[in-house]
Amino acid sequence: MTDSIDPTRRRLLHRSAGVAAVGAIAVWTGSARAATPARSLALLHTHTGEHIDLVYAIGEQYVPAAMAALNHFLRDHYSGEVGRIDPGVFDQLHQLQQRLDSRAAFEVISGYRCPATNARLRATRGGGVATNSLHLQGRAIDVRLAGTPLADLRDAALSLRGGGVGYYPRERFVHLDTGRVRTW
């Protein structure tokens, strides 16, 4: 007998059911997060002006929709090409925020780079871009953290021993990657 329900009332009931479902999901995910810690990130892209703030993992499980959103967010900002970012990069950023006790968004200078962009930057930046940059593999990111001195960000990254750490004070960023542990 749902056909006899007033269309306005039908919309109200439909919306109410949707709100109830969202509420139930929020309660479920809230209790799931209490049992298994969620890892989140907030990023601001300095070239695109985009901002993202999300939970990317719960416990040991990465959230597929969040990973796709982060891959798109960290796309090559010159070409628009989207690469697959190593989840270890996100884990390093999360660990850095915890170590530095910061809630600020990381300011992203560079994430994924396609081969054409990397070659062009190599040709125009006086050798400051590696031929086989880990940016090409989605295993590197260049960042700074508002309110945190760059040297402190570098030192915290070095203490993680999670991969390579490059310090670029003149350009105002720290390079992080999931390659072998090294520093420059």
C-alpha atoms as a PDB file:
ATOM      1  CA  MET A   1       0.000   0.000   0.000  1.00  0.00           C
ATOM      2  CA  THR A   2       2.910   2.334  -0.392  1.00  0.00           C
ATOM      3  CA  ASP A   3       1.223   3.756  -3.486  1.00  0.00           C
ATOM      4  CA  SER A   4      -1.325   5.502  -1.260  1.00  0.00           C
ATOM      5  CA  ILE A   5       1.393   7.458   0.601  1.00  0.00           C
ATOM      6  CA  ASP A   6       1.552  11.148  -0.232  1.00  0.00           C
ATOM      7  CA  PRO A   7       4.641  11.853  -2.460  1.00  0.00           C
ATOM      8  CA  THR A   8       5.929  14.465   0.017  1.00  0.00           C
ATOM      9  CA  ARG A   9       5.643  11.977   2.863  1.00  0.00           C
ATOM     10  CA  ARG A  10       7.308   9.297   0.698  1.00  0.00           C
ATOM     11  CA  ARG A  11      10.325  11.610   0.157  1.00  0.00           C
ATOM     12  CA  LEU A  12      10.474  12.334   3.888  1.00  0.00           C
ATOM     13  CA  LEU A  13      10.365   8.610   4.745  1.00  0.00           C
ATOM     14  CA  HIS A  14      13.002   7.848   2.096  1.00  0.00           C
ATOM     15  CA  ARG A  15      15.314  10.562   3.443  1.00  0.00           C
ATOM     16  CA  SER A  16      14.727   9.433   7.032  1.00  0.00           C
ATOM     17  CA  ALA A  17      15.693   5.875   6.082  1.00  0.00           C
ATOM     18  CA  GLY A  18      18.856   7.198   4.421  1.00  0.00           C
ATOM     19  CA  VAL A  19      19.781   9.249   7.492  1.00  0.00           C
ATOM     20  CA  ALA A  20      19.168   6.217   9.723  1.00  0.00           C
ATOM     21  CA  ALA A  21      21.406   4.078   7.505  1.00  0.00           C
ATOM     22  CA  VAL A  22      24.205   6.666   7.579  1.00  0.00           C
ATOM     23  CA  GLY A  23      23.833   6.899  11.353  1.00  0.00           C
ATOM     24  CA  ALA A  24      24.091   3.129  11.687  1.00  0.00           C
ATOM     25  CA  ILE A  25      27.234   3.087   9.539  1.00  0.00           C
ATOM     26  CA  ALA A  26      28.738   5.911  11.617  1.00  0.00           C
ATOM     27  CA  VAL A  27      28.019   4.008  14.841  1.00  0.00           C
ATOM     28  CA  TRP A  28      29.485   0.804  13.373  1.00  0.00           C
ATOM     29  CA  THR A  29      32.638   2.498  12.043  1.00  0.00           C
ATOM     30  CA  GLY A  30      32.984   4.420  15.292  1.00  0.00           C
ATOM     31  CA  SER A  31      33.002   1.193  17.293  1.00  0.00           C
ATOM     32  CA  ALA A  32      35.315  -0.424  14.723  1.00  0.00           C
ATOM     33  CA  ARG A  33      37.725   2.499  15.065  1.00  0.00           C
ATOM     34  CA  ALA A  34      37.668   2.196  18.842  1.00  0.00           C
ATOM     35  CA  ALA A  35      38.772  -1.444  18.486  1.00  0.00           C
ATOM     36  CA  THR A  36      41.327  -0.847  15.725  1.00  0.00           C
ATOM     37  CA  PRO A  37      43.074   2.507  15.463  1.00  0.00           C
ATOM     38  CA  ALA A  38      42.351   4.557  12.379  1.00  0.00           C
ATOM     39  CA  ARG A  39      45.119   6.336  10.520  1.00  0.00           C
ATOM     40  CA  SER A  40      44.249   9.627   8.898  1.00  0.00           C
ATOM     41  CA  LEU A  41      45.915  12.340   6.854  1.00  0.00           C
ATOM     42  CA  ALA A  42      45.227  15.926   5.938  1.00  0.00           C
ATOM     43  CA  LEU A  43      47.018  17.286   2.868  1.00  0.00           C
ATOM     44  CA  LEU A  44      47.018  20.603   1.037  1.00  0.00           C
ATOM     45  CA  HIS A  45      48.461  20.655  -2.493  1.00  0.00           C
ATOM     46  CA  THR A  46      50.496  23.813  -3.064  1.00  0.00           C
ATOM     47  CA  HIS A  47      50.113  23.691  -6.874  1.00  0.00           C
ATOM     48  CA  THR A  48      46.441  22.767  -7.268  1.00  0.00           C
ATOM     49  CA  GLY A  49      45.064  24.392  -4.105  1.00  0.00           C
ATOM     50  CA  GLU A  50      43.178  21.164  -3.337  1.00  0.00           C
ATOM     51  CA  HIS A  51      42.748  19.904   0.220  1.00  0.00           C
ATOM     52  CA  ILE A  52      42.005  16.382   1.413  1.00  0.00           C
ATOM     53  CA  ASP A  53      41.368  15.115   4.936  1.00  0.00           C
ATOM     54  CA  LEU A  54      40.469  11.439   5.390  1.00  0.00           C
ATOM     55  CA  VAL A  55      40.939   8.161   7.191  1.00  0.00           C
ATOM     56  CA  TYR A  56      43.078   6.050   4.869  1.00  0.00           C
ATOM     57  CA  ALA A  57      43.487   2.930   7.011  1.00  0.00           C
ATOM     58  CA  ILE A  58      41.801   1.160   9.896  1.00  0.00           C
ATOM     59  CA  GLY A  59      44.085  -1.204  11.709  1.00  0.00           C
ATOM     60  CA  GLU A  60      46.141  -3.032   9.102  1.00  0.00           C
ATOM     61  CA  GLN A  61      43.556  -2.526   6.339  1.00  0.00           C
ATOM     62  CA  TYR A  62      43.848   0.334   3.870  1.00  0.00           C
ATOM     63  CA  VAL A  63      40.521   1.881   2.863  1.00  0.00           C
ATOM     64  CA  PRO A  64      40.247   1.358  -0.945  1.00  0.00           C
ATOM     65  CA  ALA A  65      38.184   4.511  -1.614  1.00  0.00           C
ATOM     66  CA  ALA A  66      40.619   6.597   0.442  1.00  0.00           C
ATOM     67  CA  MET A  67      43.604   5.112  -1.390  1.00  0.00           C
ATOM     68  CA  ALA A  68      42.005   5.981  -4.748  1.00  0.00           C
ATOM     69  CA  ALA A  69      41.287   9.528  -3.535  1.00  0.00           C
ATOM     70  CA  LEU A  70      44.883   9.946  -2.346  1.00  0.00           C
ATOM     71  CA  ASN A  71      46.266   8.585  -5.639  1.00  0.00           C
ATOM     72  CA  HIS A  72      44.184  11.152  -7.521  1.00  0.00           C
ATOM     73  CA  PHE A  73      45.129  13.945  -5.112  1.00  0.00           C
ATOM     74  CA  LEU A  74      48.856  13.207  -5.553  1.00  0.00           C
ATOM     75  CA  ARG A  75      48.634  12.964  -9.359  1.00  0.00           C
ATOM     76  CA  ASP A  76      51.257  14.605 -11.556  1.00  0.00           C
ATOM     77  CA  HIS A  77      50.036  18.208 -11.339  1.00  0.00           C
ATOM     78  CA  TYR A  78      51.659  19.057 -14.695  1.00  0.00           C
ATOM     79  CA  SER A  79      50.128  16.276 -16.813  1.00  0.00           C
ATOM     80  CA  GLY A  80      47.163  15.160 -14.696  1.00  0.00           C
ATOM     81  CA  GLU A  81      48.367  11.550 -14.904  1.00  0.00           C
ATOM     82  CA  VAL A  82      47.418   9.500 -11.836  1.00  0.00           C
ATOM     83  CA  GLY A  83      49.881   6.990 -10.440  1.00  0.00           C
ATOM     84  CA  ARG A  84      49.606   4.448  -7.635  1.00  0.00           C
ATOM     85  CA  ILE A  85      51.174   5.786  -4.446  1.00  0.00           C
ATOM     86  CA  ASP A  86      52.917   3.344  -2.112  1.00  0.00           C
ATOM     87  CA  PRO A  87      50.829   3.180   1.099  1.00  0.00           C
ATOM     88  CA  GLY A  88      54.117   3.307   3.015  1.00  0.00           C
ATOM     89  CA  VAL A  89      54.371   6.987   2.028  1.00  0.00           C
ATOM     90  CA  PHE A  90      51.060   7.642   3.806  1.00  0.00           C
ATOM     91  CA  ASP A  91      52.213   5.675   6.841  1.00  0.00           C
ATOM     92  CA  GLN A  92      55.390   7.786   7.033  1.00  0.00           C
ATOM     93  CA  LEU A  93      53.359  11.007   6.909  1.00  0.00           C
ATOM     94  CA  HIS A  94      50.992   9.721   9.600  1.00  0.00           C
ATOM     95  CA  GLN A  95      53.917   8.690  11.830  1.00  0.00           C
ATOM     96  CA  LEU A  96      55.528  12.105  11.339  1.00  0.00           C
ATOM     97  CA  GLN A  97      52.389  13.921  12.436  1.00  0.00           C
ATOM     98  CA  GLN A  98      52.255  11.770  15.557  1.00  0.00           C
ATOM     99  CA  ARG A  99      55.945  12.195  16.316  1.00  0.00           C
ATOM    100  CA  LEU A 100      55.700  15.976  15.858  1.00  0.00           C
ATOM    101  CA  ASP A 101      52.347  16.123  17.698  1.00  0.00           C
ATOM    102  CA  SER A 102      50.858  18.155  14.855  1.00  0.00           C
ATOM    103  CA  ARG A 103      47.316  18.327  13.526  1.00  0.00           C
ATOM    104  CA  ALA A 104      48.290  20.615  10.639  1.00  0.00           C
ATOM    105  CA  ALA A 105      47.865  19.502   7.040  1.00  0.00           C
ATOM    106  CA  PHE A 106      51.011  18.550   5.146  1.00  0.00           C
ATOM    107  CA  GLU A 107      51.661  20.970   2.311  1.00  0.00           C
ATOM    108  CA  VAL A 108      52.460  18.844  -0.745  1.00  0.00           C
ATOM    109  CA  ILE A 109      54.906  20.173  -3.312  1.00  0.00           C
ATOM    110  CA  SER A 110      55.196  16.992  -5.383  1.00  0.00           C
ATOM    111  CA  GLY A 111      53.759  13.480  -5.332  1.00  0.00           C
ATOM    112  CA  TYR A 112      53.605  11.183  -8.352  1.00  0.00           C
ATOM    113  CA  ARG A 113      55.506  12.226 -11.493  1.00  0.00           C
ATOM    114  CA  CYS A 114      55.068  10.722 -14.943  1.00  0.00           C
ATOM    115  CA  PRO A 115      58.230  10.044 -17.001  1.00  0.00           C
ATOM    116  CA  ALA A 116      57.691  13.045 -19.330  1.00  0.00           C
ATOM    117  CA  THR A 117      57.362  15.452 -16.397  1.00  0.00           C
ATOM    118  CA  ASN A 118      60.412  13.985 -14.682  1.00  0.00           C
ATOM    119  CA  ALA A 119      62.479  14.360 -17.887  1.00  0.00           C
ATOM    120  CA  ARG A 120      61.327  17.969 -18.367  1.00  0.00           C
ATOM    121  CA  LEU A 121      62.105  18.874 -14.746  1.00  0.00           C
ATOM    122  CA  ARG A 122      65.507  17.201 -15.048  1.00  0.00           C
ATOM    123  CA  ALA A 123      66.282  19.306 -18.102  1.00  0.00           C
ATOM    124  CA  THR A 124      65.161  22.583 -16.522  1.00  0.00           C
ATOM    125  CA  ARG A 125      66.171  22.240 -12.856  1.00  0.00           C
ATOM    126  CA  GLY A 126      69.924  21.961 -13.195  1.00  0.00           C
ATOM    127  CA  GLY A 127      70.251  18.296 -12.195  1.00  0.00           C
ATOM    128  CA  GLY A 128      68.137  18.527  -9.021  1.00  0.00           C
ATOM    129  CA  VAL A 129      65.816  15.767 -10.270  1.00  0.00           C
ATOM    130  CA  ALA A 130      66.959  12.139 -10.310  1.00  0.00           C
ATOM    131  CA  THR A 131      66.725  10.136 -13.551  1.00  0.00           C
ATOM    132  CA  ASN A 132      65.118   7.215 -11.724  1.00  0.00           C
ATOM    133  CA  SER A 133      63.276   9.297  -9.138  1.00  0.00           C
ATOM    134  CA  LEU A 134      61.082   7.349  -6.746  1.00  0.00           C
ATOM    135  CA  HIS A 135      58.373   9.910  -7.602  1.00  0.00           C
ATOM    136  CA  LEU A 136      58.010   7.939 -10.872  1.00  0.00           C
ATOM    137  CA  GLN A 137      57.083   4.832  -8.888  1.00  0.00           C
ATOM    138  CA  GLY A 138      54.756   6.617  -6.454  1.00  0.00           C
ATOM    139  CA  ARG A 139      57.232   5.985  -3.655  1.00  0.00           C
ATOM    140  CA  ALA A 140      58.168   9.615  -2.855  1.00  0.00           C
ATOM    141  CA  ILE A 141      56.613  12.877  -1.756  1.00  0.00           C
ATOM    142  CA  ASP A 142      57.948  16.388  -1.155  1.00  0.00           C
ATOM    143  CA  VAL A 143      56.282  18.165   1.770  1.00  0.00           C
ATOM    144  CA  ARG A 144      56.440  20.744   4.508  1.00  0.00           C
ATOM    145  CA  LEU A 145      54.277  20.987   7.625  1.00  0.00           C
ATOM    146  CA  ALA A 146      52.780  24.332   8.662  1.00  0.00           C
ATOM    147  CA  GLY A 147      53.942  25.423  12.097  1.00  0.00           C
ATOM    148  CA  THR A 148      56.881  23.012  12.093  1.00  0.00           C
ATOM    149  CA  PRO A 149      60.409  24.205  11.336  1.00  0.00           C
ATOM    150  CA  LEU A 150      61.720  22.409   8.260  1.00  0.00           C
ATOM    151  CA  ALA A 151      64.778  21.121  10.145  1.00  0.00           C
ATOM    152  CA  ASP A 152      62.489  19.565  12.783  1.00  0.00           C
ATOM    153  CA  LEU A 153      60.466  17.850  10.044  1.00  0.00           C
ATOM    154  CA  ARG A 154      63.700  16.510   8.529  1.00  0.00           C
ATOM    155  CA  ASP A 155      64.982  15.282  11.906  1.00  0.00           C
ATOM    156  CA  ALA A 156      61.687  13.541  12.698  1.00  0.00           C
ATOM    157  CA  ALA A 157      61.718  11.877   9.252  1.00  0.00           C
ATOM    158  CA  LEU A 158      65.296  10.710   9.782  1.00  0.00           C
ATOM    159  CA  SER A 159      64.348   9.226  13.148  1.00  0.00           C
ATOM    160  CA  LEU A 160      61.698   7.034  11.467  1.00  0.00           C
ATOM    161  CA  ARG A 161      64.332   5.314   9.307  1.00  0.00           C
ATOM    162  CA  GLY A 162      61.545   4.559   6.816  1.00  0.00           C
ATOM    163  CA  GLY A 163      63.429   5.418   3.632  1.00  0.00           C
ATOM    164  CA  GLY A 164      65.230   8.317   2.012  1.00  0.00           C
ATOM    165  CA  VAL A 165      65.079  11.839   3.422  1.00  0.00           C
ATOM    166  CA  GLY A 166      66.208  14.845   1.403  1.00  0.00           C
ATOM    167  CA  TYR A 167      66.464  18.301   2.958  1.00  0.00           C
ATOM    168  CA  TYR A 168      65.830  21.317   0.712  1.00  0.00           C
ATOM    169  CA  PRO A 169      65.795  24.411   2.937  1.00  0.00           C
ATOM    170  CA  ARG A 170      66.134  26.886   0.042  1.00  0.00           C
ATOM    171  CA  GLU A 171      63.110  25.353  -1.743  1.00  0.00           C
ATOM    172  CA  ARG A 172      61.338  24.908   1.643  1.00  0.00           C
ATOM    173  CA  PHE A 173      60.512  21.191   1.568  1.00  0.00           C
ATOM    174  CA  VAL A 174      61.594  17.785   2.793  1.00  0.00           C
ATOM    175  CA  HIS A 175      61.635  14.813   0.424  1.00  0.00           C
ATOM    176  CA  LEU A 176      60.446  11.483   1.878  1.00  0.00           C
ATOM    177  CA  ASP A 177      60.486   8.127   0.138  1.00  0.00           C
ATOM    178  CA  THR A 178      60.098   4.428   0.803  1.00  0.00           C
ATOM    179  CA  GLY A 179      63.419   3.484  -0.790  1.00  0.00           C
ATOM    180  CA  ARG A 180      66.501   2.464   1.111  1.00  0.00           C
ATOM    181  CA  VAL A 181      67.417   4.507   4.185  1.00  0.00           C
ATOM    182  CA  ARG A 182      69.679   7.393   3.126  1.00  0.00           C
ATOM    183  CA  THR A 183      69.938  11.145   3.506  1.00  0.00           C
ATOM    184  CA  TRP A 184      71.057  14.152   1.498  1.00  0.00           C
END
